[in-house]
Amino acid sequence: MIWSKEETLPRGQMEQLQLGKLKESVRYIYDRVAPYRAKMDAAGVKPEDIRELSDLQKLPYTVKADFRDNYPMGMFAVAPGELVRFHASSGTTGKPTVVGYTRKDLDVWLDNVARIACMGGASKDDIAQISFGYGTFTGALGLHGGLERIGASVIPMSSGNSKKQMLFMQDIGTTLLVATPSYALHLGEEVREAGLDPEKDLKLRIGLFGGEGMTEPMRAEMQKIWGKGFFCTQNYGMSELCGPGVSGECEALTGMHVNEDWFIPEIIDPATGQVLPEGQSGELVITCLGKEALPLMRYRTGDLTKLDYAPCPCGRTTVRMANLFGRADDMLVIRGVNVFPTQIEEVLLGVPEIGPHYHITVERIEYLDMMTIAVELIDDRLLDSYGQLDELEKRIQKRMHDVLGLATKIKLVAPHSLQRFEGKAKRVTDLRKDGL
């Protein structure tokens, strides 16, 4: 089901709509947000210089540091009395990023999430179990409101408490799961360990996943755990932009459709900041259109992807962003080689003897970088066979070397011995002082 007519606009009409909103948004942010006005003045650009969409490239970038430097509400365009909601990032690397919504912002946000839910196959007949953590994190309340908007019933479970999650799935008949991919895998394991067959004992048919990236091997692992009839999509967003609702996969699984009437995406070279041609991979930059509380121009997300403007079989005409390759700041440099955790994950999920959970430790030993990848065995009986363990380790090491171009140490551990995460999975521990 397509929720909004804007999702099917011809390219020319979409660009006209974007240009009108862009002009209004640039004037709005220049007049109301002092830090961004200072950036524009330093760049020598005024609102009246924006005459066509390509003029977007004249505007300076907004970056995460702008929020830290103007904490908590220096980037806001409205007074606190005009706000109806605050959210914030986790703040795990410093002060949290505080975001706010006016009544109009909230309405637009939830409508965009409703679009994303429909893209993934949700309908008014679904019973949705929200297994994101509730609180200042935008994911839970965003999906909650968007699913209610399309008429679905919502169970606000929050994360954790797997026994109760399973109880409600059985007794209430949950048909749709909202979670991070890593928690969905963990919950699926718990379901099977409890002696339940998801295909026979549950009604779950759809997963709407976000909060972290999902590779294609991980999607295949979902179907192994939850059953062949389980269809899952991922969606994209971040607190600064609105929360979930920026983009999402449709049932054709050809990439994540961007809600272009509210967000203009660009791809840039993360090192130089130069805009890249269509189809090239780089860092995603998003300009928000029509936001009242927290308007953002050219926000550098740090996420790596590419854009595809070709028609989609689903009937939507909006541009699609590819599944994230990783984050510019998640890249590990090991002995001069650039490594992304997603590369490692794709290798591991192709090995049938091991499970989907892993942890990467990087340390410097006698001036040499060493990466150790701990991964769980599916069958702990292998731990009693040195020969089989040695063969498996060498096989994984070879596959890693073929993909990454460097030697790694593989540590095979017992099933269920690695930490599980209710929110975003923390896959990497870098013990080097400089991280390089």
Protein backbone atom coordinates (compact mmCIF):
# COMPACT_ATOMS: atom_id res chain seq x y z
CA MET A 1 0.00 0.00 0.00
CA ILE A 2 1.22 3.51 -0.86
CA TRP A 3 0.31 5.94 1.91
CA SER A 4 0.86 9.32 0.25
CA LYS A 5 0.52 10.72 -3.29
CA GLU A 6 3.89 12.47 -2.88
CA GLU A 7 5.57 9.06 -3.06
CA THR A 8 4.62 8.72 -6.74
CA LEU A 9 5.21 12.24 -8.09
CA PRO A 10 7.03 12.55 -11.43
CA ARG A 11 10.64 13.71 -10.97
CA GLY A 12 9.97 17.19 -12.36
CA GLN A 13 7.07 17.80 -9.96
CA MET A 14 9.08 16.52 -7.00
CA GLU A 15 11.97 18.85 -7.80
CA GLN A 16 9.62 21.83 -8.09
CA LEU A 17 8.11 20.95 -4.72
CA GLN A 18 11.57 20.59 -3.19
CA LEU A 19 12.80 23.90 -4.61
CA GLY A 20 9.86 25.83 -3.17
CA LYS A 21 10.33 24.27 0.26
CA LEU A 22 14.11 24.71 0.10
CA LYS A 23 13.84 28.46 -0.51
CA GLU A 24 11.44 28.84 2.40
CA SER A 25 13.57 26.66 4.69
CA VAL A 26 16.81 28.52 3.95
CA ARG A 27 15.18 31.88 4.68
CA TYR A 28 13.61 30.44 7.84
CA ILE A 29 16.86 29.03 9.25
CA TYR A 30 18.85 32.15 8.32
CA ASP A 31 16.42 34.41 10.14
CA ARG A 32 15.98 32.22 13.24
CA VAL A 33 19.13 30.17 13.93
CA ALA A 34 22.14 32.35 14.78
CA PRO A 35 24.84 29.61 14.52
CA TYR A 36 23.74 28.68 11.01
CA ARG A 37 23.36 32.32 9.96
CA ALA A 38 26.99 32.83 11.01
CA LYS A 39 28.01 29.84 8.86
CA MET A 40 26.15 31.20 5.84
CA ASP A 41 27.67 34.65 6.29
CA ALA A 42 31.14 33.12 6.53
CA ALA A 43 30.47 31.20 3.30
CA GLY A 44 29.25 34.37 1.60
CA VAL A 45 25.79 33.01 0.80
CA LYS A 46 22.39 34.63 1.44
CA PRO A 47 18.88 33.10 1.23
CA GLU A 48 18.21 34.95 -2.04
CA ASP A 49 21.16 33.10 -3.63
CA ILE A 50 19.12 29.89 -3.63
CA ARG A 51 17.35 30.03 -7.02
CA GLU A 52 17.52 26.39 -8.16
CA LEU A 53 18.11 23.01 -6.54
CA SER A 54 21.77 22.91 -7.54
CA ASP A 55 22.31 26.05 -5.41
CA LEU A 56 21.94 23.77 -2.40
CA GLN A 57 25.66 23.07 -2.82
CA LYS A 58 26.45 26.70 -1.95
CA LEU A 59 25.23 26.16 1.60
CA PRO A 60 27.60 25.14 4.40
CA TYR A 61 27.31 21.75 6.09
CA THR A 62 25.83 21.17 9.52
CA VAL A 63 27.77 18.66 11.64
CA LYS A 64 27.40 16.88 14.96
CA ALA A 65 29.81 19.35 16.60
CA ASP A 66 27.31 22.17 15.95
CA PHE A 67 24.93 20.49 18.40
CA ARG A 68 27.65 20.05 21.02
CA ASP A 69 28.81 23.64 20.64
CA ASN A 70 25.25 24.96 21.01
CA TYR A 71 23.96 22.50 23.63
CA PRO A 72 21.16 22.12 24.55
CA MET A 73 18.88 24.24 22.32
CA GLY A 74 21.08 26.72 20.49
CA MET A 75 20.19 25.14 17.11
CA PHE A 76 16.45 25.51 17.69
CA ALA A 77 14.41 27.97 15.61
CA VAL A 78 11.50 28.32 18.07
CA ALA A 79 11.08 29.20 21.73
CA PRO A 80 10.58 26.34 24.24
CA GLY A 81 6.94 27.32 24.64
CA GLU A 82 6.24 26.35 21.02
CA LEU A 83 7.49 22.80 21.51
CA VAL A 84 5.29 19.80 22.29
CA ARG A 85 8.03 17.12 22.50
CA PHE A 86 11.71 16.72 23.32
CA HIS A 87 13.88 13.75 22.34
CA ALA A 88 17.62 13.19 22.63
CA SER A 89 20.35 10.86 21.47
CA SER A 90 22.01 8.51 23.95
CA GLY A 91 25.02 10.76 24.48
CA THR A 92 27.40 7.82 24.81
CA THR A 93 30.33 9.88 23.48
CA GLY A 94 29.52 13.12 25.31
CA LYS A 95 26.50 15.34 25.86
CA PRO A 96 23.32 14.09 24.19
CA THR A 97 21.99 15.73 21.07
CA VAL A 98 18.72 17.40 22.12
CA VAL A 99 15.98 17.69 19.50
CA GLY A 100 12.47 19.14 19.64
CA TYR A 101 9.17 19.11 17.77
CA THR A 102 6.37 21.60 17.29
CA ARG A 103 2.85 20.29 16.79
CA LYS A 104 3.31 20.48 13.02
CA ASP A 105 6.71 18.73 13.21
CA LEU A 106 5.16 15.89 15.18
CA ASP A 107 2.34 15.51 12.66
CA VAL A 108 4.74 15.42 9.69
CA TRP A 109 7.05 13.00 11.48
CA LEU A 110 4.36 10.45 12.25
CA ASP A 111 2.96 10.73 8.72
CA ASN A 112 6.41 9.95 7.33
CA VAL A 113 6.69 6.94 9.65
CA ALA A 114 3.25 5.79 8.46
CA ARG A 115 4.64 5.82 4.90
CA ILE A 116 7.63 3.71 6.00
CA ALA A 117 5.37 1.19 7.75
CA CYS A 118 3.22 0.81 4.64
CA MET A 119 6.34 0.39 2.49
CA GLY A 120 7.29 -2.58 4.63
CA GLY A 121 3.88 -4.23 4.26
CA ALA A 122 2.18 -3.09 7.47
CA SER A 123 -1.59 -2.58 7.48
CA LYS A 124 -4.43 -1.61 9.79
CA ASP A 125 -4.98 -5.29 10.57
CA ASP A 126 -1.55 -5.77 12.17
CA ILE A 127 -0.80 -6.15 15.86
CA ALA A 128 2.60 -4.48 16.27
CA GLN A 129 4.96 -5.26 19.14
CA ILE A 130 7.41 -2.41 19.75
CA SER A 131 10.62 -3.87 21.15
CA PHE A 132 12.63 -0.67 21.01
CA GLY A 133 13.44 0.95 24.34
CA TYR A 134 11.00 3.76 25.18
CA GLY A 135 12.37 7.06 26.47
CA THR A 136 14.20 9.93 24.77
CA PHE A 137 15.25 7.56 21.94
CA THR A 138 13.08 8.45 18.93
CA GLY A 139 12.62 4.93 17.55
CA ALA A 140 9.96 3.55 19.87
CA LEU A 141 7.56 6.50 19.99
CA GLY A 142 8.13 7.24 16.29
CA LEU A 143 7.15 3.75 15.10
CA HIS A 144 4.42 3.62 17.75
CA GLY A 145 2.75 6.77 16.44
CA GLY A 146 3.24 5.93 12.77
CA LEU A 147 1.74 2.45 13.13
CA GLU A 148 -1.24 3.79 15.07
CA ARG A 149 -1.75 6.33 12.30
CA ILE A 150 -2.30 3.58 9.71
CA GLY A 151 -4.73 1.87 12.10
CA ALA A 152 -2.56 -0.93 13.47
CA SER A 153 -2.83 -2.04 17.09
CA VAL A 154 0.33 -1.40 19.13
CA ILE A 155 1.85 -3.25 22.09
CA PRO A 156 4.38 -0.85 23.72
CA MET A 157 6.59 -3.66 25.05
CA SER A 158 9.94 -1.83 25.12
CA SER A 159 13.15 -3.86 24.90
CA GLY A 160 14.27 -6.79 27.03
CA ASN A 161 12.20 -9.25 29.11
CA SER A 162 12.20 -11.92 26.42
CA LYS A 163 9.81 -14.20 28.33
CA LYS A 164 7.13 -11.53 28.36
CA GLN A 165 7.85 -10.71 24.72
CA MET A 166 7.16 -14.34 23.82
CA LEU A 167 4.09 -14.50 26.06
CA PHE A 168 2.46 -11.55 24.30
CA MET A 169 3.42 -12.88 20.87
CA GLN A 170 1.62 -16.12 21.68
CA ASP A 171 -1.37 -14.87 23.65
CA ILE A 172 -2.15 -11.62 21.82
CA GLY A 173 -1.10 -12.82 18.39
CA THR A 174 1.59 -10.32 17.41
CA THR A 175 1.94 -10.06 13.62
CA LEU A 176 4.57 -7.31 13.34
CA LEU A 177 7.83 -6.84 15.28
CA VAL A 178 9.67 -3.52 15.64
CA ALA A 179 13.24 -3.92 16.93
CA THR A 180 16.91 -3.55 16.13
CA PRO A 181 18.10 -6.41 13.89
CA SER A 182 20.46 -7.68 16.59
CA TYR A 183 17.69 -7.84 19.21
CA ALA A 184 15.34 -9.54 16.74
CA LEU A 185 17.95 -12.27 16.19
CA HIS A 186 18.40 -12.65 19.94
CA LEU A 187 14.66 -12.84 20.55
CA GLY A 188 14.30 -15.42 17.77
CA GLU A 189 16.92 -17.58 19.48
CA GLU A 190 15.02 -17.30 22.76
CA VAL A 191 11.79 -18.33 21.01
CA ARG A 192 13.37 -21.48 19.61
CA GLU A 193 15.12 -22.33 22.89
CA ALA A 194 11.72 -22.14 24.59
CA GLY A 195 10.60 -24.95 22.29
CA LEU A 196 8.44 -22.79 20.04
CA ASP A 197 8.32 -23.03 16.26
CA PRO A 198 7.71 -19.45 15.03
CA GLU A 199 5.98 -20.68 11.85
CA LYS A 200 3.56 -22.95 13.73
CA ASP A 201 3.18 -21.34 17.16
CA LEU A 202 3.25 -17.61 16.33
CA LYS A 203 1.46 -15.30 13.90
CA LEU A 204 4.46 -13.04 13.28
CA ARG A 205 4.74 -12.14 9.59
CA ILE A 206 6.62 -8.81 9.36
CA GLY A 207 9.68 -7.17 10.89
CA LEU A 208 10.25 -3.40 10.70
CA PHE A 209 13.87 -3.00 11.78
CA GLY A 210 15.95 0.09 12.49
CA GLY A 211 18.43 1.62 14.88
CA GLU A 212 21.32 -0.17 13.18
CA GLY A 213 22.08 -1.48 9.71
CA MET A 214 20.96 -4.88 8.42
CA THR A 215 23.11 -6.66 5.83
CA GLU A 216 21.64 -9.12 3.34
CA PRO A 217 23.23 -12.13 5.12
CA MET A 218 21.59 -10.92 8.34
CA ARG A 219 18.22 -10.73 6.56
CA ALA A 220 18.73 -14.34 5.47
CA GLU A 221 19.60 -15.27 9.05
CA MET A 222 16.29 -13.70 10.18
CA GLN A 223 14.38 -16.08 7.93
CA LYS A 224 16.35 -19.05 9.22
CA ILE A 225 15.42 -18.15 12.79
CA TRP A 226 11.87 -16.80 12.39
CA GLY A 227 10.77 -18.92 9.42
CA LYS A 228 10.55 -18.61 5.65
CA GLY A 229 7.26 -16.71 5.81
CA PHE A 230 8.80 -13.90 7.87
CA PHE A 231 9.34 -10.75 5.76
CA CYS A 232 11.58 -8.04 7.17
CA THR A 233 12.59 -4.59 5.99
CA GLN A 234 14.81 -1.91 7.44
CA ASN A 235 14.18 1.80 7.75
CA TYR A 236 16.46 4.75 8.34
CA GLY A 237 16.48 7.92 10.38
CA MET A 238 18.28 9.69 13.19
CA SER A 239 17.27 12.02 15.99
CA GLU A 240 18.70 15.14 14.39
CA LEU A 241 16.67 14.65 11.20
CA CYS A 242 13.38 13.65 12.88
CA GLY A 243 13.90 10.07 14.10
CA PRO A 244 12.70 7.15 11.97
CA GLY A 245 10.82 8.18 8.83
CA VAL A 246 13.58 9.50 6.57
CA SER A 247 13.60 6.39 4.37
CA GLY A 248 12.56 2.75 4.32
CA GLU A 249 12.55 -0.39 2.21
CA CYS A 250 9.49 -1.33 0.21
CA GLU A 251 8.35 -4.90 -0.45
CA ALA A 252 10.43 -4.99 -3.65
CA LEU A 253 13.61 -4.72 -1.51
CA THR A 254 15.42 -2.46 -3.98
CA GLY A 255 16.77 0.01 -1.43
CA MET A 256 15.29 2.49 1.06
CA HIS A 257 12.91 5.07 -0.44
CA VAL A 258 13.64 8.59 0.81
CA ASN A 259 10.63 10.77 1.66
CA GLU A 260 11.91 13.38 -0.75
CA ASP A 261 9.21 15.95 -0.22
CA TRP A 262 10.66 16.42 3.29
CA PHE A 263 14.31 15.41 2.86
CA ILE A 264 16.84 16.14 0.09
CA PRO A 265 19.71 13.61 0.04
CA GLU A 266 23.21 14.16 -1.33
CA ILE A 267 26.26 11.90 -1.47
CA ILE A 268 29.65 13.47 -0.77
CA ASP A 269 33.25 12.35 -0.53
CA PRO A 270 33.72 12.11 3.27
CA ALA A 271 37.34 13.26 2.98
CA THR A 272 36.92 16.28 0.68
CA GLY A 273 33.26 17.22 1.14
CA GLN A 274 32.76 17.30 -2.63
CA VAL A 275 29.35 16.21 -3.98
CA LEU A 276 29.64 12.95 -5.92
CA PRO A 277 27.77 11.98 -9.11
CA GLU A 278 24.68 9.77 -8.97
CA GLY A 279 25.48 6.13 -8.32
CA GLN A 280 28.78 6.71 -6.51
CA SER A 281 29.21 5.66 -2.88
CA GLY A 282 30.01 8.13 -0.13
CA GLU A 283 28.68 9.91 2.92
CA LEU A 284 24.97 10.71 3.10
CA VAL A 285 24.06 14.38 3.60
CA ILE A 286 20.44 15.32 4.34
CA THR A 287 18.66 18.67 4.09
CA CYS A 288 15.36 18.86 5.99
CA LEU A 289 12.46 20.71 4.39
CA GLY A 290 9.69 22.42 6.33
CA LYS A 291 10.86 21.64 9.86
CA GLU A 292 9.87 24.28 12.41
CA ALA A 293 11.70 23.45 15.64
CA LEU A 294 15.01 22.14 14.32
CA PRO A 295 15.55 23.01 10.64
CA LEU A 296 18.76 21.47 9.28
CA MET A 297 20.64 22.29 6.09
CA ARG A 298 23.08 19.74 4.63
CA TYR A 299 23.53 17.64 7.75
CA ARG A 300 26.48 15.24 7.48
CA THR A 301 25.11 11.96 8.79
CA GLY A 302 28.37 10.01 8.73
CA ASP A 303 26.54 7.08 7.09
CA LEU A 304 27.94 5.57 3.89
CA THR A 305 25.58 4.68 1.04
CA LYS A 306 24.68 5.57 -2.57
CA LEU A 307 21.54 6.81 -4.34
CA ASP A 308 19.45 5.27 -7.13
CA TYR A 309 16.90 7.38 -9.03
CA ALA A 310 15.73 4.58 -11.35
CA PRO A 311 12.02 3.57 -11.22
CA CYS A 312 11.07 1.01 -8.56
CA PRO A 313 8.73 -1.93 -9.28
CA CYS A 314 6.60 -0.92 -6.30
CA GLY A 315 5.34 2.17 -8.14
CA ARG A 316 7.10 4.76 -5.98
CA THR A 317 9.20 7.34 -7.80
CA THR A 318 11.26 8.55 -4.84
CA VAL A 319 15.01 8.08 -4.83
CA ARG A 320 16.34 5.01 -3.01
CA MET A 321 19.40 4.83 -0.80
CA ALA A 322 21.30 1.55 -0.69
CA ASN A 323 21.70 -0.44 2.52
CA LEU A 324 24.34 1.31 4.58
CA PHE A 325 27.91 0.18 3.97
CA GLY A 326 28.88 1.44 7.41
CA ARG A 327 29.75 4.75 9.01
CA ALA A 328 32.69 6.97 8.18
CA ASP A 329 33.52 7.06 11.91
CA ASP A 330 33.09 3.26 12.30
CA MET A 331 35.87 2.52 9.85
CA LEU A 332 38.83 0.76 11.42
CA VAL A 333 42.29 1.27 9.99
CA ILE A 334 44.25 -1.94 10.60
CA ARG A 335 47.86 -1.91 9.40
CA GLY A 336 46.88 0.59 6.71
CA VAL A 337 43.79 -1.33 5.56
CA ASN A 338 40.31 0.21 5.85
CA VAL A 339 37.92 -2.25 7.51
CA PHE A 340 34.19 -1.90 8.19
CA PRO A 341 32.35 -4.18 10.66
CA THR A 342 29.73 -4.89 7.97
CA GLN A 343 32.41 -6.57 5.83
CA ILE A 344 33.28 -8.87 8.72
CA GLU A 345 29.62 -9.61 9.41
CA GLU A 346 28.95 -10.68 5.82
CA VAL A 347 31.85 -13.15 5.96
CA LEU A 348 30.76 -14.62 9.29
CA LEU A 349 27.14 -15.08 8.27
CA GLY A 350 28.30 -17.17 5.34
CA VAL A 351 29.82 -19.81 7.65
CA PRO A 352 27.17 -22.39 8.62
CA GLU A 353 28.89 -23.62 11.81
CA ILE A 354 28.76 -20.26 13.57
CA GLY A 355 25.97 -17.98 14.79
CA PRO A 356 25.20 -14.33 13.96
CA HIS A 357 26.69 -12.80 17.12
CA TYR A 358 30.29 -11.59 17.13
CA HIS A 359 32.64 -9.08 18.75
CA ILE A 360 35.73 -7.38 17.33
CA THR A 361 38.67 -6.39 19.54
CA VAL A 362 41.53 -4.31 18.14
CA GLU A 363 44.75 -3.86 20.10
CA ARG A 364 48.35 -2.89 19.45
CA ILE A 365 50.94 -5.49 20.41
CA GLU A 366 54.61 -4.56 20.02
CA TYR A 367 53.68 -1.72 17.65
CA LEU A 368 51.64 -4.06 15.44
CA ASP A 369 47.83 -3.83 15.16
CA MET A 370 46.00 -7.09 15.82
CA MET A 371 42.28 -7.71 15.26
CA THR A 372 40.59 -10.56 17.10
CA ILE A 373 37.08 -11.63 16.12
CA ALA A 374 35.16 -13.62 18.72
CA VAL A 375 32.25 -15.58 17.25
CA GLU A 376 29.87 -18.16 18.70
CA LEU A 377 29.64 -21.76 17.62
CA ILE A 378 26.18 -23.14 16.90
CA ASP A 379 27.09 -26.59 18.28
CA ASP A 380 29.23 -26.54 21.45
CA ARG A 381 30.28 -30.14 20.83
CA LEU A 382 32.88 -28.75 18.43
CA LEU A 383 34.73 -27.42 21.47
CA ASP A 384 35.71 -31.01 22.28
CA SER A 385 37.35 -31.54 18.89
CA TYR A 386 40.63 -29.68 18.46
CA GLY A 387 40.96 -30.82 14.86
CA GLN A 388 37.53 -29.54 13.80
CA LEU A 389 38.02 -26.25 15.68
CA ASP A 390 41.40 -25.71 14.06
CA GLU A 391 40.00 -26.42 10.60
CA LEU A 392 37.07 -24.04 11.15
CA GLU A 393 39.31 -21.24 12.46
CA LYS A 394 41.63 -21.53 9.47
CA ARG A 395 38.69 -21.56 7.06
CA ILE A 396 37.24 -18.37 8.57
CA GLN A 397 40.67 -16.72 8.64
CA LYS A 398 41.15 -17.45 4.94
CA ARG A 399 37.74 -16.02 4.05
CA MET A 400 38.53 -12.90 6.10
CA HIS A 401 41.88 -12.51 4.37
CA ASP A 402 40.26 -12.89 0.95
CA VAL A 403 37.75 -10.12 1.75
CA LEU A 404 39.79 -7.75 3.95
CA GLY A 405 43.28 -8.35 2.63
CA LEU A 406 44.80 -8.79 6.09
CA ALA A 407 45.33 -11.50 8.69
CA THR A 408 42.92 -11.75 11.63
CA LYS A 409 42.71 -13.88 14.74
CA ILE A 410 39.50 -15.91 15.11
CA LYS A 411 38.30 -16.88 18.58
CA LEU A 412 35.54 -19.50 18.59
CA VAL A 413 33.46 -19.41 21.76
CA ALA A 414 30.55 -21.38 23.22
CA PRO A 415 26.96 -20.69 22.13
CA HIS A 416 25.26 -17.78 23.96
CA SER A 417 28.51 -16.64 25.61
CA LEU A 418 28.77 -13.25 23.89
CA GLN A 419 26.83 -10.28 25.22
CA ARG A 420 23.37 -9.61 23.74
CA PHE A 421 22.08 -6.08 23.26
CA GLU A 422 18.54 -4.75 23.66
CA GLY A 423 19.32 -1.62 21.65
CA LYS A 424 22.08 -0.95 19.16
CA ALA A 425 24.68 -3.71 19.23
CA LYS A 426 28.21 -2.69 20.30
CA ARG A 427 30.38 -4.84 18.07
CA VAL A 428 33.82 -3.21 18.38
CA THR A 429 36.27 -2.59 21.21
CA ASP A 430 39.30 -0.58 20.06
CA LEU A 431 42.01 -0.69 22.71
CA ARG A 432 44.49 1.43 20.76
CA LYS A 433 44.84 4.92 22.20
CA ASP A 434 44.41 6.73 18.89
CA GLY A 435 42.01 4.25 17.26
CA LEU A 436 44.23 4.12 14.18
